[in-house]
Amino acid sequence: QYLTGRERVVEIGAGRGRFTAELAALCGSLVVADISPTKLQLNQRSAQSMGYAQRIEDWVECDVADLRCFQDAEFDAVVCYGGPLSYVTDRRDKALAEMLRITKPGGRLFLSVMSLWGEIHSHFAELITRDIRLVQEIAETGDIGPEAVALASSMYHAYRSDELVRFLEGAGLVVETLSASDCLSSTWGSLLGNWRQDERRWRALLEMELAASRHAGCVDMGSRLIAVARKAT
């Protein structure tokens, strides 16, 4: 919908390559970036074994909040899926500013962050056994980590949808699309494998998932919030 197949794209926080193969097929050229050299190596091996390494321009080690290795307005689009913008916590303004800097005027940022209400929904059974004051603090602040409840091995910030929109618009971006990730199936992981065996059922589930994830009433209930935002020309 947003890529023509000619764009030069950078994937920030690519990790082992969960999204890299699909991105490589959708754009003209792709630069893969991550803070972990080990994950970059795994990403490269995966690209080689799956046969799309020739579509990757380079693998670059860098921090999402320090992209000095890239020039201003170098890319048509920046992709940062998964959790980088949630895990940088108090450096999120710097991280977003850096991604904006390397994006061409009129270019797009494809972003995802942890969803606050989605996280609470997914871990509700565990949360209600904890100190209610800690749970209330999570709901109020969006800050989640081992100090409060054992939902993660490190601190991260989960967003409300309106908070994410304010964050992006505050940086001068125009938010074109906001949706959820797996808002229907996030708590049914144990059953997805069984449903996957039935192609007709699986396709129907995917269609419902996509429709629900775009619906305003469901956008906060997935494990991630996904935004497509455009940089001003």
Foldseek 3Di string as FASTA:
>chain_A
DAAPAAWEEEEEQCFLHPPPVVVLRRHQAYEYEYQDPVRLVNNLVVCVVVPRNVRYPYYYHDQLLDVVVAAFQQTLEYEYEDASLFQVVVSNLSSVVVRNRNHHAFGKYKYKHFFQQQLCVQCVVVVVVADVVLVVVCVVFQWDDVVRPHPDPGITGHDHPVRVVCSQVVVVWAWDAKWAQQLPCSNPVVCVVVQVVPVVSNVVVVVVRVVQRRDPVRVRNHRMMIIMITHHD
